[in-house]
């Protein structure tokens, strides 16, 4: 198994429980860790034997940016539903989402969850 990590993927979406939070897109930072059964890629050096992480990035952006979310928990669950169908070799995903400007005395709030097939 290989672990692919996409760090600090910035997405822009409507996120928050208050009306004013739904008026403007906010920047959310994602870290996505995918455990993949792509041992063959380590032998062949061919993209078709690997998970195309550029495709993962684009699928997330296209699926998430037009939507509106109230909670980070729902956002990361939705992202997992986008990633799994992209490649059956993705066995496990851990997604962490960071939202800034939420608390007065903290830099950010982060929610993290692991999903398995």
N, C-alpha and C. Protein backbone atom coordinates (compact mmCIF):
# COMPACT_ATOMS: atom_id res chain seq x y z
N UNK A 1 0.84 -1.19 0.00
CA UNK A 1 0.00 0.00 0.00
C UNK A 1 0.89 1.25 0.00
N UNK A 2 0.41 2.25 -0.71
CA UNK A 2 1.05 3.56 -0.70
C UNK A 2 0.09 4.55 -0.06
N UNK A 3 0.63 5.62 0.49
CA UNK A 3 -0.18 6.69 1.04
C UNK A 3 0.11 7.95 0.24
N UNK A 4 -0.92 8.50 -0.36
CA UNK A 4 -0.82 9.75 -1.11
C UNK A 4 -1.44 10.84 -0.25
N UNK A 5 -0.70 11.92 -0.04
CA UNK A 5 -1.20 13.03 0.76
C UNK A 5 -1.24 14.30 -0.09
N UNK A 6 -2.39 14.90 -0.14
CA UNK A 6 -2.54 16.23 -0.76
C UNK A 6 -2.65 17.20 0.40
N UNK A 7 -1.64 18.06 0.54
CA UNK A 7 -1.59 18.98 1.68
C UNK A 7 -2.01 20.38 1.27
N UNK A 8 -2.80 20.99 2.11
CA UNK A 8 -3.18 22.39 1.96
C UNK A 8 -3.85 22.69 0.62
N UNK A 9 -4.76 21.83 0.22
CA UNK A 9 -5.57 22.09 -0.97
C UNK A 9 -6.60 23.15 -0.60
N UNK A 10 -6.53 24.29 -1.27
CA UNK A 10 -7.43 25.40 -0.95
C UNK A 10 -8.66 25.31 -1.85
N UNK A 11 -9.81 25.23 -1.22
CA UNK A 11 -11.07 25.28 -1.96
C UNK A 11 -11.85 26.51 -1.49
N UNK A 12 -12.79 26.93 -2.31
CA UNK A 12 -13.59 28.11 -1.98
C UNK A 12 -15.05 27.71 -2.07
N UNK A 13 -15.73 27.79 -0.95
CA UNK A 13 -17.14 27.38 -0.95
C UNK A 13 -17.90 28.19 0.09
N UNK A 14 -19.21 28.07 0.00
CA UNK A 14 -20.08 28.69 0.99
C UNK A 14 -20.16 27.73 2.17
N UNK A 15 -19.74 28.19 3.35
CA UNK A 15 -19.69 27.31 4.51
C UNK A 15 -19.99 28.08 5.78
N UNK A 16 -20.97 27.62 6.52
CA UNK A 16 -21.27 28.23 7.81
C UNK A 16 -22.75 28.13 8.14
N UNK A 17 -23.04 28.25 9.42
CA UNK A 17 -24.42 28.12 9.89
C UNK A 17 -25.16 29.46 9.93
N UNK A 18 -24.43 30.55 9.86
CA UNK A 18 -25.06 31.87 9.92
C UNK A 18 -25.30 32.40 8.51
N UNK A 19 -26.35 33.21 8.37
CA UNK A 19 -26.69 33.77 7.06
C UNK A 19 -25.52 34.52 6.43
N UNK A 20 -24.80 35.32 7.22
CA UNK A 20 -23.69 36.10 6.68
C UNK A 20 -22.57 35.21 6.15
N UNK A 21 -22.44 33.98 6.69
CA UNK A 21 -21.41 33.07 6.21
C UNK A 21 -21.77 32.49 4.84
N UNK A 22 -23.04 32.51 4.51
CA UNK A 22 -23.50 31.97 3.23
C UNK A 22 -23.52 33.03 2.13
N UNK A 23 -23.12 34.25 2.45
CA UNK A 23 -23.12 35.34 1.47
C UNK A 23 -21.86 35.38 0.62
N UNK A 24 -20.77 34.88 1.15
CA UNK A 24 -19.48 34.96 0.46
C UNK A 24 -18.75 33.62 0.58
N UNK A 25 -18.12 33.23 -0.51
CA UNK A 25 -17.31 32.02 -0.45
C UNK A 25 -16.16 32.23 0.54
N UNK A 26 -15.86 31.18 1.25
CA UNK A 26 -14.74 31.25 2.18
C UNK A 26 -13.70 30.21 1.77
N UNK A 27 -12.46 30.52 2.07
CA UNK A 27 -11.35 29.63 1.75
C UNK A 27 -11.22 28.56 2.84
N UNK A 28 -11.23 27.32 2.42
CA UNK A 28 -11.07 26.18 3.33
C UNK A 28 -9.82 25.42 2.90
N UNK A 29 -8.98 25.08 3.85
CA UNK A 29 -7.77 24.30 3.55
C UNK A 29 -8.03 22.84 3.87
N UNK A 30 -7.71 21.99 2.91
CA UNK A 30 -7.89 20.55 3.08
C UNK A 30 -6.56 19.82 3.06
N UNK A 31 -6.46 18.82 3.90
CA UNK A 31 -5.38 17.84 3.80
C UNK A 31 -6.07 16.49 3.62
N UNK A 32 -5.70 15.81 2.54
CA UNK A 32 -6.35 14.55 2.19
C UNK A 32 -5.29 13.48 2.10
N UNK A 33 -5.48 12.42 2.86
CA UNK A 33 -4.56 11.29 2.85
C UNK A 33 -5.32 10.07 2.32
N UNK A 34 -4.77 9.48 1.26
CA UNK A 34 -5.42 8.32 0.64
C UNK A 34 -4.50 7.12 0.73
N UNK A 35 -4.98 6.05 1.33
CA UNK A 35 -4.25 4.79 1.35
C UNK A 35 -4.68 4.04 0.10
N UNK A 36 -3.70 3.71 -0.74
CA UNK A 36 -4.01 3.14 -2.05
C UNK A 36 -3.30 1.81 -2.27
N UNK A 37 -3.97 0.95 -2.99
CA UNK A 37 -3.38 -0.33 -3.39
C UNK A 37 -2.78 -0.15 -4.78
N UNK A 38 -1.65 0.56 -4.82
CA UNK A 38 -1.00 0.89 -6.09
C UNK A 38 0.46 0.41 -6.12
N UNK A 39 0.67 -0.77 -5.58
CA UNK A 39 2.02 -1.34 -5.54
C UNK A 39 2.57 -1.47 -6.96
N UNK A 40 1.70 -1.77 -7.91
CA UNK A 40 2.13 -1.93 -9.31
C UNK A 40 2.80 -0.67 -9.85
N UNK A 41 2.34 0.49 -9.43
CA UNK A 41 2.93 1.76 -9.89
C UNK A 41 4.40 1.87 -9.47
N UNK A 42 4.72 1.29 -8.33
CA UNK A 42 6.11 1.29 -7.87
C UNK A 42 7.00 0.37 -8.69
N UNK A 43 6.40 -0.51 -9.46
CA UNK A 43 7.15 -1.44 -10.31
C UNK A 43 7.22 -0.94 -11.75
N UNK A 44 6.09 -0.42 -12.26
CA UNK A 44 6.00 -0.08 -13.68
C UNK A 44 6.34 1.37 -14.00
N UNK A 45 6.17 2.27 -13.04
CA UNK A 45 6.38 3.70 -13.27
C UNK A 45 5.40 4.26 -14.29
N UNK A 46 4.17 3.71 -14.32
CA UNK A 46 3.14 4.14 -15.27
C UNK A 46 1.96 4.76 -14.52
N UNK A 47 1.48 5.88 -15.05
CA UNK A 47 0.37 6.59 -14.42
C UNK A 47 -0.88 5.72 -14.30
N UNK A 48 -1.14 4.89 -15.29
CA UNK A 48 -2.35 4.06 -15.22
C UNK A 48 -2.32 3.06 -14.07
N UNK A 49 -1.15 2.83 -13.49
CA UNK A 49 -1.03 1.94 -12.34
C UNK A 49 -1.06 2.70 -11.02
N UNK A 50 -1.25 4.01 -11.10
CA UNK A 50 -1.26 4.88 -9.91
C UNK A 50 -2.60 5.58 -9.80
N UNK A 51 -2.86 6.18 -8.66
CA UNK A 51 -4.02 7.05 -8.49
C UNK A 51 -3.60 8.42 -9.01
N UNK A 52 -4.38 8.96 -9.92
CA UNK A 52 -4.10 10.27 -10.51
C UNK A 52 -4.58 11.35 -9.54
N UNK A 53 -3.66 11.89 -8.76
CA UNK A 53 -4.06 12.85 -7.73
C UNK A 53 -4.47 14.19 -8.31
N UNK A 54 -4.05 14.51 -9.53
CA UNK A 54 -4.55 15.72 -10.18
C UNK A 54 -6.05 15.57 -10.49
N UNK A 55 -6.44 14.38 -10.87
CA UNK A 55 -7.86 14.09 -11.11
C UNK A 55 -8.66 14.20 -9.81
N UNK A 56 -8.08 13.74 -8.71
CA UNK A 56 -8.74 13.85 -7.41
C UNK A 56 -8.95 15.32 -7.06
N UNK A 57 -7.91 16.12 -7.23
CA UNK A 57 -8.00 17.55 -6.94
C UNK A 57 -9.13 18.21 -7.75
N UNK A 58 -9.14 17.98 -9.03
CA UNK A 58 -10.14 18.60 -9.90
C UNK A 58 -11.56 18.14 -9.56
N UNK A 59 -11.71 16.86 -9.25
CA UNK A 59 -13.04 16.33 -8.90
C UNK A 59 -13.57 16.99 -7.63
N UNK A 60 -12.70 17.19 -6.66
CA UNK A 60 -13.10 17.84 -5.41
C UNK A 60 -13.55 19.28 -5.68
N UNK A 61 -12.74 20.01 -6.40
CA UNK A 61 -13.05 21.42 -6.69
C UNK A 61 -14.37 21.53 -7.45
N UNK A 62 -14.53 20.73 -8.49
CA UNK A 62 -15.75 20.80 -9.30
C UNK A 62 -17.00 20.41 -8.51
N UNK A 63 -16.87 19.45 -7.61
CA UNK A 63 -18.03 18.99 -6.85
C UNK A 63 -18.40 19.91 -5.70
N UNK A 64 -17.41 20.49 -5.05
CA UNK A 64 -17.64 21.21 -3.80
C UNK A 64 -17.90 22.70 -3.99
N UNK A 65 -17.17 23.34 -4.88
CA UNK A 65 -17.25 24.79 -4.95
C UNK A 65 -18.62 25.36 -5.29
N UNK A 66 -19.47 24.68 -6.08
CA UNK A 66 -20.80 25.25 -6.33
C UNK A 66 -21.80 25.07 -5.19
N UNK A 67 -21.48 24.21 -4.24
CA UNK A 67 -22.45 23.85 -3.19
C UNK A 67 -22.37 24.78 -1.98
N UNK A 68 -23.37 24.63 -1.13
CA UNK A 68 -23.42 25.36 0.14
C UNK A 68 -23.44 24.33 1.28
N UNK A 69 -22.64 24.59 2.29
CA UNK A 69 -22.53 23.70 3.44
C UNK A 69 -22.70 24.50 4.72
N UNK A 70 -23.29 23.88 5.71
CA UNK A 70 -23.38 24.49 7.04
C UNK A 70 -22.19 24.05 7.90
N UNK A 71 -21.82 22.77 7.80
CA UNK A 71 -20.84 22.21 8.72
C UNK A 71 -19.63 21.60 8.01
N UNK A 72 -18.48 21.71 8.65
CA UNK A 72 -17.27 21.06 8.14
C UNK A 72 -17.45 19.54 8.07
N UNK A 73 -18.17 18.99 9.03
CA UNK A 73 -18.39 17.55 9.05
C UNK A 73 -19.10 17.07 7.79
N UNK A 74 -20.09 17.83 7.36
CA UNK A 74 -20.83 17.46 6.14
C UNK A 74 -19.95 17.66 4.91
N UNK A 75 -19.18 18.73 4.90
CA UNK A 75 -18.26 19.00 3.78
C UNK A 75 -17.29 17.84 3.58
N UNK A 76 -16.63 17.39 4.64
CA UNK A 76 -15.63 16.33 4.44
C UNK A 76 -16.28 15.00 4.10
N UNK A 77 -17.48 14.76 4.58
CA UNK A 77 -18.21 13.55 4.19
C UNK A 77 -18.54 13.59 2.70
N UNK A 78 -18.95 14.75 2.23
CA UNK A 78 -19.24 14.92 0.80
C UNK A 78 -17.99 14.71 -0.04
N UNK A 79 -16.86 15.20 0.42
CA UNK A 79 -15.60 15.03 -0.31
C UNK A 79 -15.22 13.56 -0.40
N UNK A 80 -15.40 12.81 0.67
CA UNK A 80 -15.11 11.37 0.63
C UNK A 80 -15.97 10.68 -0.41
N UNK A 81 -17.24 11.10 -0.52
CA UNK A 81 -18.14 10.51 -1.52
C UNK A 81 -17.71 10.85 -2.95
N UNK A 82 -17.00 11.93 -3.12
CA UNK A 82 -16.46 12.31 -4.43
C UNK A 82 -15.22 11.48 -4.76
N UNK A 83 -14.37 11.25 -3.78
CA UNK A 83 -13.07 10.60 -4.02
C UNK A 83 -13.21 9.10 -4.27
N UNK A 84 -13.94 8.39 -3.45
CA UNK A 84 -13.98 6.93 -3.56
C UNK A 84 -14.34 6.42 -4.96
N UNK A 85 -15.34 6.97 -5.64
CA UNK A 85 -15.67 6.45 -6.97
C UNK A 85 -14.61 6.69 -8.04
N UNK A 86 -13.66 7.56 -7.78
CA UNK A 86 -12.64 7.89 -8.78
C UNK A 86 -11.70 6.74 -9.08
N UNK A 87 -11.43 5.92 -8.06
CA UNK A 87 -10.47 4.82 -8.25
C UNK A 87 -10.70 3.77 -7.18
N UNK A 88 -10.98 2.55 -7.60
CA UNK A 88 -11.26 1.47 -6.64
C UNK A 88 -10.05 1.09 -5.81
N UNK A 89 -8.87 1.53 -6.23
CA UNK A 89 -7.65 1.21 -5.47
C UNK A 89 -7.48 2.11 -4.25
N UNK A 90 -8.32 3.14 -4.12
CA UNK A 90 -8.31 3.98 -2.92
C UNK A 90 -9.10 3.22 -1.85
N UNK A 91 -8.41 2.80 -0.82
CA UNK A 91 -9.02 1.95 0.22
C UNK A 91 -9.46 2.72 1.45
N UNK A 92 -8.77 3.80 1.74
CA UNK A 92 -9.03 4.55 2.97
C UNK A 92 -8.66 6.01 2.72
N UNK A 93 -9.48 6.90 3.26
CA UNK A 93 -9.24 8.34 3.09
C UNK A 93 -9.35 9.01 4.45
N UNK A 94 -8.39 9.86 4.75
CA UNK A 94 -8.50 10.74 5.91
C UNK A 94 -8.53 12.17 5.38
N UNK A 95 -9.54 12.90 5.79
CA UNK A 95 -9.71 14.28 5.32
C UNK A 95 -9.73 15.19 6.53
N UNK A 96 -8.94 16.24 6.46
CA UNK A 96 -8.94 17.28 7.49
C UNK A 96 -9.26 18.60 6.81
N UNK A 97 -10.22 19.34 7.36
CA UNK A 97 -10.62 20.63 6.82
C UNK A 97 -10.40 21.70 7.87
N UNK A 98 -9.74 22.78 7.47
CA UNK A 98 -9.44 23.90 8.36
C UNK A 98 -10.26 25.12 7.94
N UNK A 99 -10.90 25.75 8.91
CA UNK A 99 -11.70 26.96 8.67
C UNK A 99 -11.18 28.06 9.58
N UNK A 100 -10.76 29.16 8.99
CA UNK A 100 -10.24 30.28 9.77
C UNK A 100 -11.35 31.28 10.06
N UNK A 101 -11.07 32.16 11.01
CA UNK A 101 -12.01 33.23 11.32
C UNK A 101 -13.25 32.79 12.07
N UNK A 102 -13.17 31.69 12.76
CA UNK A 102 -14.34 31.15 13.45
C UNK A 102 -14.36 31.58 14.92
N UNK A 103 -13.23 31.43 15.57
CA UNK A 103 -13.12 31.74 17.00
C UNK A 103 -12.21 32.95 17.20
N UNK A 104 -12.53 33.74 18.19
CA UNK A 104 -11.75 34.96 18.44
C UNK A 104 -10.33 34.68 18.90
N UNK A 105 -10.14 33.64 19.70
CA UNK A 105 -8.84 33.39 20.31
C UNK A 105 -8.08 32.23 19.67
N UNK A 106 -8.55 31.75 18.53
CA UNK A 106 -7.87 30.63 17.86
C UNK A 106 -7.65 30.97 16.40
N UNK A 107 -6.58 30.43 15.84
CA UNK A 107 -6.27 30.67 14.43
C UNK A 107 -7.28 30.02 13.51
N UNK A 108 -7.70 28.80 13.89
CA UNK A 108 -8.61 28.06 13.02
C UNK A 108 -9.30 26.95 13.78
N UNK A 109 -10.33 26.41 13.14
CA UNK A 109 -11.01 25.22 13.63
C UNK A 109 -10.79 24.15 12.58
N UNK A 110 -10.49 22.94 13.03
CA UNK A 110 -10.19 21.84 12.12
C UNK A 110 -11.07 20.64 12.48
N UNK A 111 -11.59 19.99 11.44
CA UNK A 111 -12.34 18.75 11.62
C UNK A 111 -11.67 17.69 10.76
N UNK A 112 -11.50 16.50 11.33
CA UNK A 112 -10.79 15.42 10.65
C UNK A 112 -11.55 14.11 10.81
N UNK A 113 -11.61 13.33 9.72
CA UNK A 113 -12.30 12.04 9.79
C UNK A 113 -11.65 11.08 8.80
N UNK A 114 -11.66 9.80 9.17
CA UNK A 114 -11.17 8.74 8.31
C UNK A 114 -12.35 7.92 7.80
N UNK A 115 -12.33 7.65 6.50
CA UNK A 115 -13.38 6.88 5.84
C UNK A 115 -12.74 5.64 5.21
N UNK A 116 -13.40 4.50 5.29
CA UNK A 116 -12.91 3.27 4.66
C UNK A 116 -13.97 2.70 3.76
N UNK A 117 -13.52 2.00 2.74
CA UNK A 117 -14.48 1.31 1.84
C UNK A 117 -15.17 0.23 2.59
